[in-house]
Amino acid sequence: MTSMTFGQKKFIPTAPEKGSFPLDHEGQCKKLMLYYMRCLRANNDDNSACRQESKDYLQCRMDNNLMAKEEFSKLGFGDLEGTEKKGDK
């Protein structure tokens, strides 16, 4: 039985602005995700201290077609352009 209230608007979900992206089922970027999570834990969840790890993770997702390729300046990483990846060690 549904509970409809007269005059109530029906909720119509909308897609996210950037669209959806596939999950990393094969764990292709898991190592970089773990670097990012470890950095967050070490810095009391201050994501500004872990921007390089976040950028590396997003780069991995783009390289493995797990998200659309996008310029880092549009993702808020304009100041980190040209920095090297930690995952290449």
PDB file of N, CA and C in Angstrom:
ATOM      1  N   MET A   1       0.836  -1.169   0.000  1.00  0.00           N
ATOM      2  CA  MET A   1       0.000   0.000   0.000  1.00  0.00           C
ATOM      3  C   MET A   1       0.887   1.240   0.000  1.00  0.00           C
ATOM      4  N   THR A   2       0.614   2.154  -0.862  1.00  0.00           N
ATOM      5  CA  THR A   2       1.405   3.374  -0.926  1.00  0.00           C
ATOM      6  C   THR A   2       0.740   4.470  -0.126  1.00  0.00           C
ATOM      7  N   SER A   3       1.546   5.322   0.424  1.00  0.00           N
ATOM      8  CA  SER A   3       0.995   6.440   1.185  1.00  0.00           C
ATOM      9  C   SER A   3       1.227   7.717   0.388  1.00  0.00           C
ATOM     10  N   MET A   4       0.210   8.181  -0.287  1.00  0.00           N
ATOM     11  CA  MET A   4       0.286   9.413  -1.073  1.00  0.00           C
ATOM     12  C   MET A   4      -0.454  10.510  -0.319  1.00  0.00           C
ATOM     13  N   THR A   5       0.172  11.622  -0.198  1.00  0.00           N
ATOM     14  CA  THR A   5      -0.478  12.778   0.395  1.00  0.00           C
ATOM     15  C   THR A   5      -0.891  13.694  -0.743  1.00  0.00           C
ATOM     16  N   PHE A   6      -2.119  14.081  -0.764  1.00  0.00           N
ATOM     17  CA  PHE A   6      -2.594  14.949  -1.834  1.00  0.00           C
ATOM     18  C   PHE A   6      -1.848  16.281  -1.784  1.00  0.00           C
ATOM     19  N   GLY A   7      -1.424  16.740  -2.943  1.00  0.00           N
ATOM     20  CA  GLY A   7      -0.694  17.995  -3.028  1.00  0.00           C
ATOM     21  C   GLY A   7       0.807  17.830  -2.900  1.00  0.00           C
ATOM     22  N   GLN A   8       1.260  16.649  -2.562  1.00  0.00           N
ATOM     23  CA  GLN A   8       2.690  16.409  -2.424  1.00  0.00           C
ATOM     24  C   GLN A   8       3.280  16.149  -3.802  1.00  0.00           C
ATOM     25  N   LYS A   9       4.404  16.788  -4.088  1.00  0.00           N
ATOM     26  CA  LYS A   9       5.054  16.599  -5.383  1.00  0.00           C
ATOM     27  C   LYS A   9       5.770  15.253  -5.414  1.00  0.00           C
ATOM     28  N   LYS A  10       5.753  14.640  -6.570  1.00  0.00           N
ATOM     29  CA  LYS A  10       6.444  13.369  -6.767  1.00  0.00           C
ATOM     30  C   LYS A  10       7.937  13.641  -6.927  1.00  0.00           C
ATOM     31  N   PHE A  11       8.754  12.868  -6.239  1.00  0.00           N
ATOM     32  CA  PHE A  11      10.201  13.015  -6.330  1.00  0.00           C
ATOM     33  C   PHE A  11      10.690  12.419  -7.639  1.00  0.00           C
ATOM     34  N   ILE A  12      11.399  13.207  -8.426  1.00  0.00           N
ATOM     35  CA  ILE A  12      11.974  12.737  -9.686  1.00  0.00           C
ATOM     36  C   ILE A  12      13.486  12.876  -9.578  1.00  0.00           C
ATOM     37  N   PRO A  13      14.204  11.757  -9.463  1.00  0.00           N
ATOM     38  CA  PRO A  13      15.658  11.831  -9.317  1.00  0.00           C
ATOM     39  C   PRO A  13      16.319  12.330 -10.599  1.00  0.00           C
ATOM     40  N   THR A  14      17.428  13.041 -10.435  1.00  0.00           N
ATOM     41  CA  THR A  14      18.192  13.514 -11.587  1.00  0.00           C
ATOM     42  C   THR A  14      19.599  12.932 -11.510  1.00  0.00           C
ATOM     43  N   ALA A  15      20.192  12.746 -12.664  1.00  0.00           N
ATOM     44  CA  ALA A  15      21.542  12.192 -12.736  1.00  0.00           C
ATOM     45  C   ALA A  15      22.552  13.218 -12.223  1.00  0.00           C
ATOM     46  N   PRO A  16      23.689  12.773 -11.681  1.00  0.00           N
ATOM     47  CA  PRO A  16      24.721  13.713 -11.250  1.00  0.00           C
ATOM     48  C   PRO A  16      25.251  14.506 -12.439  1.00  0.00           C
ATOM     49  N   GLU A  17      25.788  15.687 -12.160  1.00  0.00           N
ATOM     50  CA  GLU A  17      26.268  16.569 -13.218  1.00  0.00           C
ATOM     51  C   GLU A  17      27.311  15.898 -14.099  1.00  0.00           C
ATOM     52  N   LYS A  18      28.246  15.200 -13.513  1.00  0.00           N
ATOM     53  CA  LYS A  18      29.310  14.543 -14.273  1.00  0.00           C
ATOM     54  C   LYS A  18      28.912  13.151 -14.744  1.00  0.00           C
ATOM     55  N   GLY A  19      27.753  12.680 -14.386  1.00  0.00           N
ATOM     56  CA  GLY A  19      27.335  11.339 -14.776  1.00  0.00           C
ATOM     57  C   GLY A  19      27.849  10.304 -13.800  1.00  0.00           C
ATOM     58  N   SER A  20      27.467   9.066 -14.027  1.00  0.00           N
ATOM     59  CA  SER A  20      27.914   8.004 -13.141  1.00  0.00           C
ATOM     60  C   SER A  20      29.186   7.377 -13.705  1.00  0.00           C
ATOM     61  N   PHE A  21      29.889   6.661 -12.885  1.00  0.00           N
ATOM     62  CA  PHE A  21      31.107   5.999 -13.325  1.00  0.00           C
ATOM     63  C   PHE A  21      31.137   4.598 -12.740  1.00  0.00           C
ATOM     64  N   PRO A  22      31.782   3.660 -13.439  1.00  0.00           N
ATOM     65  CA  PRO A  22      31.800   2.279 -12.961  1.00  0.00           C
ATOM     66  C   PRO A  22      32.671   2.114 -11.710  1.00  0.00           C
ATOM     67  N   LEU A  23      32.295   1.139 -10.907  1.00  0.00           N
ATOM     68  CA  LEU A  23      33.089   0.806  -9.734  1.00  0.00           C
ATOM     69  C   LEU A  23      34.347   0.074 -10.172  1.00  0.00           C
ATOM     70  N   ASP A  24      35.342   0.096  -9.343  1.00  0.00           N
ATOM     71  CA  ASP A  24      36.626  -0.543  -9.637  1.00  0.00           C
ATOM     72  C   ASP A  24      36.585  -1.990  -9.146  1.00  0.00           C
ATOM     73  N   HIS A  25      35.807  -2.829  -9.827  1.00  0.00           N
ATOM     74  CA  HIS A  25      35.633  -4.212  -9.403  1.00  0.00           C
ATOM     75  C   HIS A  25      36.930  -5.018  -9.444  1.00  0.00           C
ATOM     76  N   GLU A  26      37.817  -4.701 -10.381  1.00  0.00           N
ATOM     77  CA  GLU A  26      39.065  -5.455 -10.515  1.00  0.00           C
ATOM     78  C   GLU A  26      40.182  -4.910  -9.632  1.00  0.00           C
ATOM     79  N   GLY A  27      39.923  -3.832  -8.911  1.00  0.00           N
ATOM     80  CA  GLY A  27      40.921  -3.279  -7.997  1.00  0.00           C
ATOM     81  C   GLY A  27      42.108  -2.647  -8.681  1.00  0.00           C
ATOM     82  N   GLN A  28      41.906  -2.112  -9.878  1.00  0.00           N
ATOM     83  CA  GLN A  28      43.008  -1.526 -10.632  1.00  0.00           C
ATOM     84  C   GLN A  28      43.607  -0.313  -9.927  1.00  0.00           C
ATOM     85  N   CYS A  29      42.803   0.419  -9.190  1.00  0.00           N
ATOM     86  CA  CYS A  29      43.275   1.635  -8.513  1.00  0.00           C
ATOM     87  C   CYS A  29      43.222   1.504  -6.992  1.00  0.00           C
ATOM     88  N   LYS A  30      43.116   0.291  -6.502  1.00  0.00           N
ATOM     89  CA  LYS A  30      42.964   0.075  -5.064  1.00  0.00           C
ATOM     90  C   LYS A  30      44.178   0.562  -4.277  1.00  0.00           C
ATOM     91  N   LYS A  31      45.371   0.335  -4.815  1.00  0.00           N
ATOM     92  CA  LYS A  31      46.590   0.741  -4.132  1.00  0.00           C
ATOM     93  C   LYS A  31      46.600   2.254  -3.905  1.00  0.00           C
ATOM     94  N   LEU A  32      46.228   3.019  -4.930  1.00  0.00           N
ATOM     95  CA  LEU A  32      46.213   4.472  -4.798  1.00  0.00           C
ATOM     96  C   LEU A  32      45.091   4.942  -3.879  1.00  0.00           C
ATOM     97  N   MET A  33      43.980   4.230  -3.900  1.00  0.00           N
ATOM     98  CA  MET A  33      42.882   4.556  -2.995  1.00  0.00           C
ATOM     99  C   MET A  33      43.319   4.342  -1.546  1.00  0.00           C
ATOM    100  N   LEU A  34      44.071   3.278  -1.297  1.00  0.00           N
ATOM    101  CA  LEU A  34      44.560   3.007   0.052  1.00  0.00           C
ATOM    102  C   LEU A  34      45.577   4.052   0.505  1.00  0.00           C
ATOM    103  N   TYR A  35      46.448   4.530  -0.413  1.00  0.00           N
ATOM    104  CA  TYR A  35      47.371   5.626  -0.085  1.00  0.00           C
ATOM    105  C   TYR A  35      46.580   6.852   0.368  1.00  0.00           C
ATOM    106  N   TYR A  36      45.514   7.158  -0.365  1.00  0.00           N
ATOM    107  CA  TYR A  36      44.685   8.317  -0.035  1.00  0.00           C
ATOM    108  C   TYR A  36      44.008   8.132   1.325  1.00  0.00           C
ATOM    109  N   MET A  37      43.437   6.964   1.562  1.00  0.00           N
ATOM    110  CA  MET A  37      42.760   6.711   2.832  1.00  0.00           C
ATOM    111  C   MET A  37      43.749   6.758   4.003  1.00  0.00           C
ATOM    112  N   ARG A  38      44.959   6.216   3.805  1.00  0.00           N
ATOM    113  CA  ARG A  38      45.980   6.252   4.856  1.00  0.00           C
ATOM    114  C   ARG A  38      46.399   7.699   5.144  1.00  0.00           C
ATOM    115  N   CYS A  39      46.510   8.503   4.082  1.00  0.00           N
ATOM    116  CA  CYS A  39      46.859   9.907   4.245  1.00  0.00           C
ATOM    117  C   CYS A  39      45.783  10.636   5.039  1.00  0.00           C
ATOM    118  N   LEU A  40      44.515  10.371   4.717  1.00  0.00           N
ATOM    119  CA  LEU A  40      43.422  10.999   5.459  1.00  0.00           C
ATOM    120  C   LEU A  40      43.484  10.648   6.940  1.00  0.00           C
ATOM    121  N   ARG A  41      43.712   9.383   7.226  1.00  0.00           N
ATOM    122  CA  ARG A  41      43.779   8.942   8.624  1.00  0.00           C
ATOM    123  C   ARG A  41      44.946   9.620   9.346  1.00  0.00           C
ATOM    124  N   ALA A  42      46.086   9.725   8.678  1.00  0.00           N
ATOM    125  CA  ALA A  42      47.269  10.328   9.294  1.00  0.00           C
ATOM    126  C   ALA A  42      47.101  11.830   9.511  1.00  0.00           C
ATOM    127  N   ASN A  43      46.215  12.460   8.750  1.00  0.00           N
ATOM    128  CA  ASN A  43      46.022  13.908   8.842  1.00  0.00           C
ATOM    129  C   ASN A  43      44.666  14.286   9.421  1.00  0.00           C
ATOM    130  N   ASN A  44      44.114  13.418  10.253  1.00  0.00           N
ATOM    131  CA  ASN A  44      42.830  13.681  10.917  1.00  0.00           C
ATOM    132  C   ASN A  44      41.734  14.086   9.932  1.00  0.00           C
ATOM    133  N   ASP A  45      41.637  13.357   8.824  1.00  0.00           N
ATOM    134  CA  ASP A  45      40.618  13.566   7.788  1.00  0.00           C
ATOM    135  C   ASP A  45      40.675  14.944   7.144  1.00  0.00           C
ATOM    136  N   ASP A  46      41.845  15.562   7.116  1.00  0.00           N
ATOM    137  CA  ASP A  46      42.027  16.848   6.445  1.00  0.00           C
ATOM    138  C   ASP A  46      42.380  16.570   4.989  1.00  0.00           C
ATOM    139  N   ASN A  47      41.381  16.641   4.105  1.00  0.00           N
ATOM    140  CA  ASN A  47      41.621  16.269   2.714  1.00  0.00           C
ATOM    141  C   ASN A  47      42.542  17.245   1.990  1.00  0.00           C
ATOM    142  N   SER A  48      42.705  18.452   2.487  1.00  0.00           N
ATOM    143  CA  SER A  48      43.611  19.390   1.824  1.00  0.00           C
ATOM    144  C   SER A  48      45.068  18.938   1.959  1.00  0.00           C
ATOM    145  N   ALA A  49      45.375  18.144   2.974  1.00  0.00           N
ATOM    146  CA  ALA A  49      46.727  17.626   3.149  1.00  0.00           C
ATOM    147  C   ALA A  49      46.996  16.427   2.236  1.00  0.00           C
ATOM    148  N   CYS A  50      45.953  15.899   1.585  1.00  0.00           N
ATOM    149  CA  CYS A  50      46.086  14.686   0.782  1.00  0.00           C
ATOM    150  C   CYS A  50      45.710  14.928  -0.683  1.00  0.00           C
ATOM    151  N   ARG A  51      45.892  16.139  -1.157  1.00  0.00           N
ATOM    152  CA  ARG A  51      45.465  16.469  -2.514  1.00  0.00           C
ATOM    153  C   ARG A  51      46.258  15.702  -3.573  1.00  0.00           C
ATOM    154  N   GLN A  52      47.565  15.488  -3.350  1.00  0.00           N
ATOM    155  CA  GLN A  52      48.363  14.759  -4.333  1.00  0.00           C
ATOM    156  C   GLN A  52      47.888  13.310  -4.437  1.00  0.00           C
ATOM    157  N   GLU A  53      47.588  12.684  -3.311  1.00  0.00           N
ATOM    158  CA  GLU A  53      47.095  11.307  -3.331  1.00  0.00           C
ATOM    159  C   GLU A  53      45.741  11.224  -4.030  1.00  0.00           C
ATOM    160  N   SER A  54      44.905  12.211  -3.803  1.00  0.00           N
ATOM    161  CA  SER A  54      43.601  12.262  -4.464  1.00  0.00           C
ATOM    162  C   SER A  54      43.764  12.405  -5.970  1.00  0.00           C
ATOM    163  N   LYS A  55      44.675  13.275  -6.381  1.00  0.00           N
ATOM    164  CA  LYS A  55      44.935  13.485  -7.812  1.00  0.00           C
ATOM    165  C   LYS A  55      45.464  12.197  -8.454  1.00  0.00           C
ATOM    166  N   ASP A  56      46.373  11.524  -7.778  1.00  0.00           N
ATOM    167  CA  ASP A  56      46.926  10.273  -8.307  1.00  0.00           C
ATOM    168  C   ASP A  56      45.828   9.225  -8.493  1.00  0.00           C
ATOM    169  N   TYR A  57      44.913   9.147  -7.539  1.00  0.00           N
ATOM    170  CA  TYR A  57      43.809   8.197  -7.622  1.00  0.00           C
ATOM    171  C   TYR A  57      42.900   8.519  -8.809  1.00  0.00           C
ATOM    172  N   LEU A  58      42.567   9.782  -8.974  1.00  0.00           N
ATOM    173  CA  LEU A  58      41.721  10.175 -10.106  1.00  0.00           C
ATOM    174  C   LEU A  58      42.426   9.921 -11.437  1.00  0.00           C
ATOM    175  N   GLN A  59      43.740  10.140 -11.480  1.00  0.00           N
ATOM    176  CA  GLN A  59      44.493   9.870 -12.703  1.00  0.00           C
ATOM    177  C   GLN A  59      44.436   8.380 -13.043  1.00  0.00           C
ATOM    178  N   CYS A  60      44.561   7.534 -12.041  1.00  0.00           N
ATOM    179  CA  CYS A  60      44.463   6.093 -12.257  1.00  0.00           C
ATOM    180  C   CYS A  60      43.092   5.736 -12.821  1.00  0.00           C
ATOM    181  N   ARG A  61      42.032   6.303 -12.250  1.00  0.00           N
ATOM    182  CA  ARG A  61      40.676   6.022 -12.738  1.00  0.00           C
ATOM    183  C   ARG A  61      40.525   6.459 -14.192  1.00  0.00           C
ATOM    184  N   MET A  62      41.097   7.605 -14.543  1.00  0.00           N
ATOM    185  CA  MET A  62      41.015   8.070 -15.933  1.00  0.00           C
ATOM    186  C   MET A  62      41.811   7.158 -16.854  1.00  0.00           C
ATOM    187  N   ASP A  63      42.993   6.751 -16.422  1.00  0.00           N
ATOM    188  CA  ASP A  63      43.853   5.888 -17.242  1.00  0.00           C
ATOM    189  C   ASP A  63      43.224   4.528 -17.501  1.00  0.00           C
ATOM    190  N   ASN A  64      42.399   4.045 -16.575  1.00  0.00           N
ATOM    191  CA  ASN A  64      41.772   2.729 -16.698  1.00  0.00           C
ATOM    192  C   ASN A  64      40.312   2.804 -17.142  1.00  0.00           C
ATOM    193  N   ASN A  65      39.924   3.945 -17.694  1.00  0.00           N
ATOM    194  CA  ASN A  65      38.558   4.157 -18.199  1.00  0.00           C
ATOM    195  C   ASN A  65      37.482   3.903 -17.148  1.00  0.00           C
ATOM    196  N   LEU A  66      37.786   4.260 -15.902  1.00  0.00           N
ATOM    197  CA  LEU A  66      36.808   4.140 -14.831  1.00  0.00           C
ATOM    198  C   LEU A  66      36.099   5.473 -14.588  1.00  0.00           C
ATOM    199  N   MET A  67      36.544   6.498 -15.283  1.00  0.00           N
ATOM    200  CA  MET A  67      35.861   7.792 -15.286  1.00  0.00           C
ATOM    201  C   MET A  67      36.292   8.538 -16.541  1.00  0.00           C
ATOM    202  N   ALA A  68      35.499   9.518 -16.925  1.00  0.00           N
ATOM    203  CA  ALA A  68      35.810  10.289 -18.132  1.00  0.00           C
ATOM    204  C   ALA A  68      37.088  11.092 -17.908  1.00  0.00           C
ATOM    205  N   LYS A  69      37.882  11.205 -18.955  1.00  0.00           N
ATOM    206  CA  LYS A  69      39.094  12.011 -18.867  1.00  0.00           C
ATOM    207  C   LYS A  69      38.699  13.472 -18.744  1.00  0.00           C
ATOM    208  N   GLU A  70      39.339  14.149 -17.815  1.00  0.00           N
ATOM    209  CA  GLU A  70      39.008  15.540 -17.516  1.00  0.00           C
ATOM    210  C   GLU A  70      40.293  16.265 -17.153  1.00  0.00           C
ATOM    211  N   GLU A  71      40.369  17.534 -17.483  1.00  0.00           N
ATOM    212  CA  GLU A  71      41.535  18.331 -17.105  1.00  0.00           C
ATOM    213  C   GLU A  71      41.527  18.516 -15.593  1.00  0.00           C
ATOM    214  N   PHE A  72      42.707  18.396 -14.974  1.00  0.00           N
ATOM    215  CA  PHE A  72      42.784  18.510 -13.525  1.00  0.00           C
ATOM    216  C   PHE A  72      42.429  19.910 -13.052  1.00  0.00           C
ATOM    217  N   SER A  73      42.645  20.905 -13.879  1.00  0.00           N
ATOM    218  CA  SER A  73      42.272  22.261 -13.466  1.00  0.00           C
ATOM    219  C   SER A  73      40.760  22.367 -13.275  1.00  0.00           C
ATOM    220  N   LYS A  74      39.990  21.587 -14.033  1.00  0.00           N
ATOM    221  CA  LYS A  74      38.534  21.583 -13.881  1.00  0.00           C
ATOM    222  C   LYS A  74      38.092  20.786 -12.660  1.00  0.00           C
ATOM    223  N   LEU A  75      38.973  19.944 -12.154  1.00  0.00           N
ATOM    224  CA  LEU A  75      38.672  19.145 -10.969  1.00  0.00           C
ATOM    225  C   LEU A  75      39.220  19.781  -9.689  1.00  0.00           C
ATOM    226  N   GLY A  76      39.797  20.975  -9.818  1.00  0.00           N
ATOM    227  CA  GLY A  76      40.305  21.688  -8.642  1.00  0.00           C
ATOM    228  C   GLY A  76      41.757  21.405  -8.318  1.00  0.00           C
ATOM    229  N   PHE A  77      42.499  20.854  -9.285  1.00  0.00           N
ATOM    230  CA  PHE A  77      43.905  20.523  -9.053  1.00  0.00           C
ATOM    231  C   PHE A  77      44.840  21.339  -9.933  1.00  0.00           C
ATOM    232  N   GLY A  78      44.450  22.543 -10.311  1.00  0.00           N
ATOM    233  CA  GLY A  78      45.261  23.386 -11.185  1.00  0.00           C
ATOM    234  C   GLY A  78      46.627  23.692 -10.617  1.00  0.00           C
ATOM    235  N   ASP A  79      46.719  23.803  -9.300  1.00  0.00           N
ATOM    236  CA  ASP A  79      47.996  24.117  -8.661  1.00  0.00           C
ATOM    237  C   ASP A  79      48.927  22.914  -8.572  1.00  0.00           C
ATOM    238  N   LEU A  80      48.428  21.713  -8.850  1.00  0.00           N
ATOM    239  CA  LEU A  80      49.258  20.505  -8.782  1.00  0.00           C
ATOM    240  C   LEU A  80      49.648  19.991 -10.163  1.00  0.00           C
ATOM    241  N   GLU A  81      49.407  20.760 -11.209  1.00  0.00           N
ATOM    242  CA  GLU A  81      49.743  20.320 -12.566  1.00  0.00           C
ATOM    243  C   GLU A  81      51.236  20.022 -12.671  1.00  0.00           C
ATOM    244  N   GLY A  82      51.563  18.913 -13.341  1.00  0.00           N
ATOM    245  CA  GLY A  82      52.949  18.556 -13.588  1.00  0.00           C
ATOM    246  C   GLY A  82      53.651  17.846 -12.443  1.00  0.00           C
ATOM    247  N   THR A  83      52.939  17.498 -11.386  1.00  0.00           N
ATOM    248  CA  THR A  83      53.569  16.763 -10.294  1.00  0.00           C
ATOM    249  C   THR A  83      53.561  15.284 -10.604  1.00  0.00           C
ATOM    250  N   GLU A  84      54.547  14.564 -10.068  1.00  0.00           N
ATOM    251  CA  GLU A  84      54.654  13.134 -10.384  1.00  0.00           C
ATOM    252  C   GLU A  84      53.754  12.296  -9.508  1.00  0.00           C
ATOM    253  N   LYS A  85      53.465  11.075  -9.964  1.00  0.00           N
ATOM    254  CA  LYS A  85      52.594  10.150  -9.248  1.00  0.00           C
ATOM    255  C   LYS A  85      53.381   9.379  -8.199  1.00  0.00           C
ATOM    256  N   LYS A  86      52.756   9.135  -7.044  1.00  0.00           N
ATOM    257  CA  LYS A  86      53.382   8.295  -6.011  1.00  0.00           C
ATOM    258  C   LYS A  86      53.215   6.825  -6.320  1.00  0.00           C
ATOM    259  N   GLY A  87      52.187   6.464  -7.095  1.00  0.00           N
ATOM    260  CA  GLY A  87      51.905   5.069  -7.399  1.00  0.00           C
ATOM    261  C   GLY A  87      52.910   4.442  -8.350  1.00  0.00           C
ATOM    262  N   ASP A  88      53.831   5.249  -8.898  1.00  0.00           N
ATOM    263  CA  ASP A  88      54.812   4.727  -9.857  1.00  0.00           C
ATOM    264  C   ASP A  88      56.068   4.237  -9.176  1.00  0.00           C
ATOM    265  N   LYS A  89      56.118   4.237  -7.844  1.00  0.00           N
ATOM    266  CA  LYS A  89      57.326   3.809  -7.112  1.00  0.00           C
ATOM    267  C   LYS A  89      57.583   2.338  -7.325  1.00  0.00           C
TER     268      LYS A  89
END
